[in-house]
PDB file of all heavy atoms in Angstrom:
ATOM      1  N   GLY A   1     113.330  67.797  82.294  1.00  0.00           N
ATOM      2  CA  GLY A   1     114.002  68.960  82.845  1.00  0.00           C
ATOM      3  C   GLY A   1     113.081  70.137  83.085  1.00  0.00           C
ATOM      4  O   GLY A   1     113.467  71.104  83.756  1.00  0.00           O
ATOM      5  N   GLY A   2     111.883  70.047  82.551  1.00  0.00           N
ATOM      6  CA  GLY A   2     110.926  71.132  82.699  1.00  0.00           C
ATOM      7  C   GLY A   2     110.144  71.065  83.994  1.00  0.00           C
ATOM      8  O   GLY A   2     110.412  70.211  84.856  1.00  0.00           O
ATOM      9  N   SER A   3     109.176  71.959  84.125  1.00  0.00           N
ATOM     10  CA  SER A   3     108.387  72.076  85.347  1.00  0.00           C
ATOM     11  C   SER A   3     106.896  72.105  85.033  1.00  0.00           C
ATOM     12  O   SER A   3     106.491  72.545  83.956  1.00  0.00           O
ATOM     13  CB  SER A   3     108.750  73.353  86.109  1.00  0.00           C
ATOM     14  OG  SER A   3     110.105  73.360  86.504  1.00  0.00           O
ATOM     15  N   LEU A   4     106.128  71.635  85.982  1.00  0.00           N
ATOM     16  CA  LEU A   4     104.678  71.740  85.939  1.00  0.00           C
ATOM     17  C   LEU A   4     104.183  71.993  87.357  1.00  0.00           C
ATOM     18  O   LEU A   4     104.826  71.576  88.332  1.00  0.00           O
ATOM     19  CB  LEU A   4     104.034  70.447  85.425  1.00  0.00           C
ATOM     20  CG  LEU A   4     103.980  70.172  83.942  1.00  0.00           C
ATOM     21  CD1 LEU A   4     103.398  68.785  83.684  1.00  0.00           C
ATOM     22  CD2 LEU A   4     103.183  71.223  83.191  1.00  0.00           C
ATOM     23  N   ARG A   5     103.046  72.648  87.451  1.00  0.00           N
ATOM     24  CA  ARG A   5     102.419  72.875  88.761  1.00  0.00           C
ATOM     25  C   ARG A   5     101.017  72.300  88.718  1.00  0.00           C
ATOM     26  O   ARG A   5     100.198  72.723  87.903  1.00  0.00           O
ATOM     27  CB  ARG A   5     102.388  74.358  89.081  1.00  0.00           C
ATOM     28  CG  ARG A   5     101.725  74.717  90.407  1.00  0.00           C
ATOM     29  CD  ARG A   5     101.799  76.214  90.614  1.00  0.00           C
ATOM     30  NE  ARG A   5     100.961  76.722  91.671  1.00  0.00           N
ATOM     31  CZ  ARG A   5     101.310  76.819  92.934  1.00  0.00           C
ATOM     32  NH1 ARG A   5     102.502  76.395  93.330  1.00  0.00           N
ATOM     33  NH2 ARG A   5     100.489  77.319  93.842  1.00  0.00           N
ATOM     34  N   LEU A   6     100.761  71.353  89.585  1.00  0.00           N
ATOM     35  CA  LEU A   6      99.440  70.763  89.695  1.00  0.00           C
ATOM     36  C   LEU A   6      98.662  71.463  90.802  1.00  0.00           C
ATOM     37  O   LEU A   6      99.235  71.814  91.835  1.00  0.00           O
ATOM     38  CB  LEU A   6      99.532  69.270  89.998  1.00  0.00           C
ATOM     39  CG  LEU A   6     100.334  68.414  89.029  1.00  0.00           C
ATOM     40  CD1 LEU A   6     100.259  66.946  89.438  1.00  0.00           C
ATOM     41  CD2 LEU A   6      99.874  68.594  87.609  1.00  0.00           C
ATOM     42  N   SER A   7      97.380  71.627  90.566  1.00  0.00           N
ATOM     43  CA  SER A   7      96.500  72.229  91.561  1.00  0.00           C
ATOM     44  C   SER A   7      95.341  71.289  91.834  1.00  0.00           C
ATOM     45  O   SER A   7      94.893  70.556  90.947  1.00  0.00           O
ATOM     46  CB  SER A   7      95.959  73.562  91.065  1.00  0.00           C
ATOM     47  OG  SER A   7      97.003  74.478  90.818  1.00  0.00           O
ATOM     48  N   CYS A   8      94.859  71.328  93.055  1.00  0.00           N
ATOM     49  CA  CYS A   8      93.693  70.530  93.434  1.00  0.00           C
ATOM     50  C   CYS A   8      92.799  71.405  94.296  1.00  0.00           C
ATOM     51  O   CYS A   8      93.217  71.853  95.371  1.00  0.00           O
ATOM     52  CB  CYS A   8      94.117  69.282  94.184  1.00  0.00           C
ATOM     53  SG  CYS A   8      92.756  68.299  94.842  1.00  0.00           S
ATOM     54  N   ALA A   9      91.604  71.641  93.815  1.00  0.00           N
ATOM     55  CA  ALA A   9      90.625  72.433  94.556  1.00  0.00           C
ATOM     56  C   ALA A   9      89.713  71.497  95.335  1.00  0.00           C
ATOM     57  O   ALA A   9      89.155  70.555  94.757  1.00  0.00           O
ATOM     58  CB  ALA A   9      89.824  73.297  93.601  1.00  0.00           C
ATOM     59  N   ALA A  10      89.575  71.787  96.609  1.00  0.00           N
ATOM     60  CA  ALA A  10      88.729  70.967  97.478  1.00  0.00           C
ATOM     61  C   ALA A  10      87.495  71.753  97.887  1.00  0.00           C
ATOM     62  O   ALA A  10      87.571  72.951  98.161  1.00  0.00           O
ATOM     63  CB  ALA A  10      89.510  70.538  98.722  1.00  0.00           C
ATOM     64  N   SER A  11      86.381  71.070  97.925  1.00  0.00           N
ATOM     65  CA  SER A  11      85.139  71.694  98.369  1.00  0.00           C
ATOM     66  C   SER A  11      84.345  70.673  99.181  1.00  0.00           C
ATOM     67  O   SER A  11      84.606  69.480  99.136  1.00  0.00           O
ATOM     68  CB  SER A  11      84.326  72.201  97.182  1.00  0.00           C
ATOM     69  OG  SER A  11      84.001  71.144  96.311  1.00  0.00           O
ATOM     70  N   GLY A  12      83.358  71.179  99.897  1.00  0.00           N
ATOM     71  CA  GLY A  12      82.557  70.306 100.757  1.00  0.00           C
ATOM     72  C   GLY A  12      83.017  70.407 102.190  1.00  0.00           C
ATOM     73  O   GLY A  12      83.285  71.499 102.692  1.00  0.00           O
ATOM     74  N   SER A  13      83.179  69.271 102.833  1.00  0.00           N
ATOM     75  CA  SER A  13      83.519  69.235 104.263  1.00  0.00           C
ATOM     76  C   SER A  13      85.014  69.394 104.495  1.00  0.00           C
ATOM     77  O   SER A  13      85.668  68.538 105.102  1.00  0.00           O
ATOM     78  CB  SER A  13      83.026  67.932 104.874  1.00  0.00           C
ATOM     79  OG  SER A  13      81.629  67.775 104.712  1.00  0.00           O
ATOM     80  N   ILE A  14      85.579  70.507 104.015  1.00  0.00           N
ATOM     81  CA  ILE A  14      87.026  70.705 104.101  1.00  0.00           C
ATOM     82  C   ILE A  14      87.498  70.882 105.536  1.00  0.00           C
ATOM     83  O   ILE A  14      88.667  70.666 105.843  1.00  0.00           O
ATOM     84  CB  ILE A  14      87.512  71.873 103.224  1.00  0.00           C
ATOM     85  CG1 ILE A  14      86.833  73.169 103.639  1.00  0.00           C
ATOM     86  CG2 ILE A  14      87.265  71.576 101.750  1.00  0.00           C
ATOM     87  CD1 ILE A  14      87.376  74.388 102.903  1.00  0.00           C
ATOM     88  N   PHE A  15      86.589  71.237 106.433  1.00  0.00           N
ATOM     89  CA  PHE A  15      86.963  71.401 107.834  1.00  0.00           C
ATOM     90  C   PHE A  15      87.427  70.070 108.431  1.00  0.00           C
ATOM     91  O   PHE A  15      88.139  70.041 109.425  1.00  0.00           O
ATOM     92  CB  PHE A  15      85.768  71.928 108.637  1.00  0.00           C
ATOM     93  CG  PHE A  15      84.585  70.990 108.621  1.00  0.00           C
ATOM     94  CD1 PHE A  15      84.454  69.991 109.569  1.00  0.00           C
ATOM     95  CD2 PHE A  15      83.615  71.104 107.632  1.00  0.00           C
ATOM     96  CE1 PHE A  15      83.382  69.109 109.547  1.00  0.00           C
ATOM     97  CE2 PHE A  15      82.534  70.235 107.603  1.00  0.00           C
ATOM     98  CZ  PHE A  15      82.423  69.232 108.560  1.00  0.00           C
ATOM     99  N   SER A  16      87.006  68.968 107.820  1.00  0.00           N
ATOM    100  CA  SER A  16      87.322  67.648 108.347  1.00  0.00           C
ATOM    101  C   SER A  16      88.635  67.068 107.816  1.00  0.00           C
ATOM    102  O   SER A  16      89.021  65.964 108.176  1.00  0.00           O
ATOM    103  CB  SER A  16      86.189  66.666 108.008  1.00  0.00           C
ATOM    104  OG  SER A  16      86.134  66.422 106.604  1.00  0.00           O
ATOM    105  N   ILE A  17      89.314  67.833 106.953  1.00  0.00           N
ATOM    106  CA  ILE A  17      90.527  67.322 106.309  1.00  0.00           C
ATOM    107  C   ILE A  17      91.689  67.257 107.294  1.00  0.00           C
ATOM    108  O   ILE A  17      91.971  68.209 108.012  1.00  0.00           O
ATOM    109  CB  ILE A  17      90.913  68.193 105.100  1.00  0.00           C
ATOM    110  CG1 ILE A  17      89.864  68.036 103.992  1.00  0.00           C
ATOM    111  CG2 ILE A  17      92.301  67.818 104.585  1.00  0.00           C
ATOM    112  CD1 ILE A  17      90.074  68.968 102.825  1.00  0.00           C
ATOM    113  N   ASN A  18      92.394  66.127 107.289  1.00  0.00           N
ATOM    114  CA  ASN A  18      93.581  65.942 108.118  1.00  0.00           C
ATOM    115  C   ASN A  18      94.863  65.954 107.290  1.00  0.00           C
ATOM    116  O   ASN A  18      95.871  66.511 107.702  1.00  0.00           O
ATOM    117  CB  ASN A  18      93.500  64.613 108.872  1.00  0.00           C
ATOM    118  CG  ASN A  18      92.343  64.586 109.832  1.00  0.00           C
ATOM    119  OD1 ASN A  18      92.148  65.514 110.613  1.00  0.00           O
ATOM    120  ND2 ASN A  18      91.545  63.523 109.779  1.00  0.00           N
ATOM    121  N   VAL A  19      94.812  65.312 106.128  1.00  0.00           N
ATOM    122  CA  VAL A  19      95.989  65.197 105.277  1.00  0.00           C
ATOM    123  C   VAL A  19      95.578  65.450 103.831  1.00  0.00           C
ATOM    124  O   VAL A  19      94.531  64.966 103.387  1.00  0.00           O
ATOM    125  CB  VAL A  19      96.631  63.789 105.364  1.00  0.00           C
ATOM    126  CG1 VAL A  19      97.913  63.731 104.522  1.00  0.00           C
ATOM    127  CG2 VAL A  19      96.928  63.419 106.806  1.00  0.00           C
ATOM    128  N   MET A  20      96.399  66.206 103.119  1.00  0.00           N
ATOM    129  CA  MET A  20      96.189  66.435 101.692  1.00  0.00           C
ATOM    130  C   MET A  20      97.439  65.954 100.958  1.00  0.00           C
ATOM    131  O   MET A  20      98.558  66.176 101.443  1.00  0.00           O
ATOM    132  CB  MET A  20      95.944  67.911 101.392  1.00  0.00           C
ATOM    133  CG  MET A  20      94.811  68.520 102.197  1.00  0.00           C
ATOM    134  SD  MET A  20      94.516  70.253 101.818  1.00  0.00           S
ATOM    135  CE  MET A  20      93.486  70.102 100.337  1.00  0.00           C
ATOM    136  N   GLY A  21      97.238  65.326  99.831  1.00  0.00           N
ATOM    137  CA  GLY A  21      98.424  64.804  99.163  1.00  0.00           C
ATOM    138  C   GLY A  21      98.209  64.489  97.702  1.00  0.00           C
ATOM    139  O   GLY A  21      97.131  64.709  97.147  1.00  0.00           O
ATOM    140  N   TRP A  22      99.282  63.997  97.108  1.00  0.00           N
ATOM    141  CA  TRP A  22      99.279  63.604  95.706  1.00  0.00           C
ATOM    142  C   TRP A  22      99.834  62.187  95.587  1.00  0.00           C
ATOM    143  O   TRP A  22     100.842  61.842  96.207  1.00  0.00           O
ATOM    144  CB  TRP A  22     100.152  64.552  94.884  1.00  0.00           C
ATOM    145  CG  TRP A  22      99.601  65.934  94.787  1.00  0.00           C
ATOM    146  CD1 TRP A  22      99.857  66.994  95.613  1.00  0.00           C
ATOM    147  CD2 TRP A  22      98.682  66.418  93.794  1.00  0.00           C
ATOM    148  NE1 TRP A  22      99.155  68.089  95.202  1.00  0.00           N
ATOM    149  CE2 TRP A  22      98.430  67.770  94.080  1.00  0.00           C
ATOM    150  CE3 TRP A  22      98.058  65.841  92.686  1.00  0.00           C
ATOM    151  CZ2 TRP A  22      97.575  68.552  93.309  1.00  0.00           C
ATOM    152  CZ3 TRP A  22      97.217  66.618  91.913  1.00  0.00           C
ATOM    153  CH2 TRP A  22      96.983  67.958  92.226  1.00  0.00           C
ATOM    154  N   HIS A  23      99.173  61.422  94.780  1.00  0.00           N
ATOM    155  CA  HIS A  23      99.640  60.099  94.410  1.00  0.00           C
ATOM    156  C   HIS A  23      99.778  60.066  92.898  1.00  0.00           C
ATOM    157  O   HIS A  23      99.253  60.941  92.203  1.00  0.00           O
ATOM    158  CB  HIS A  23      98.641  59.011  94.838  1.00  0.00           C
ATOM    159  CG  HIS A  23      98.585  58.771  96.301  1.00  0.00           C
ATOM    160  ND1 HIS A  23      98.134  59.697  97.211  1.00  0.00           N
ATOM    161  CD2 HIS A  23      98.924  57.689  97.036  1.00  0.00           C
ATOM    162  CE1 HIS A  23      98.194  59.202  98.438  1.00  0.00           C
ATOM    163  NE2 HIS A  23      98.674  57.977  98.356  1.00  0.00           N
ATOM    164  N   ARG A  24     100.456  59.065  92.389  1.00  0.00           N
ATOM    165  CA  ARG A  24     100.535  58.896  90.943  1.00  0.00           C
ATOM    166  C   ARG A  24     100.506  57.428  90.580  1.00  0.00           C
ATOM    167  O   ARG A  24     100.884  56.569  91.376  1.00  0.00           O
ATOM    168  CB  ARG A  24     101.796  59.557  90.384  1.00  0.00           C
ATOM    169  CG  ARG A  24     103.106  58.902  90.803  1.00  0.00           C
ATOM    170  CD  ARG A  24     104.289  59.710  90.314  1.00  0.00           C
ATOM    171  NE  ARG A  24     105.568  59.097  90.692  1.00  0.00           N
ATOM    172  CZ  ARG A  24     106.746  59.702  90.522  1.00  0.00           C
ATOM    173  NH1 ARG A  24     106.817  60.928  89.983  1.00  0.00           N
ATOM    174  NH2 ARG A  24     107.853  59.085  90.888  1.00  0.00           N
TER     175      ARG A  24
END
């Protein structure tokens, strides 16, 4: 019932990114 916030910091060739996502 609680909450969490996940963060992901990206570095490097970020200009080339098309899709960002989360898997588990």
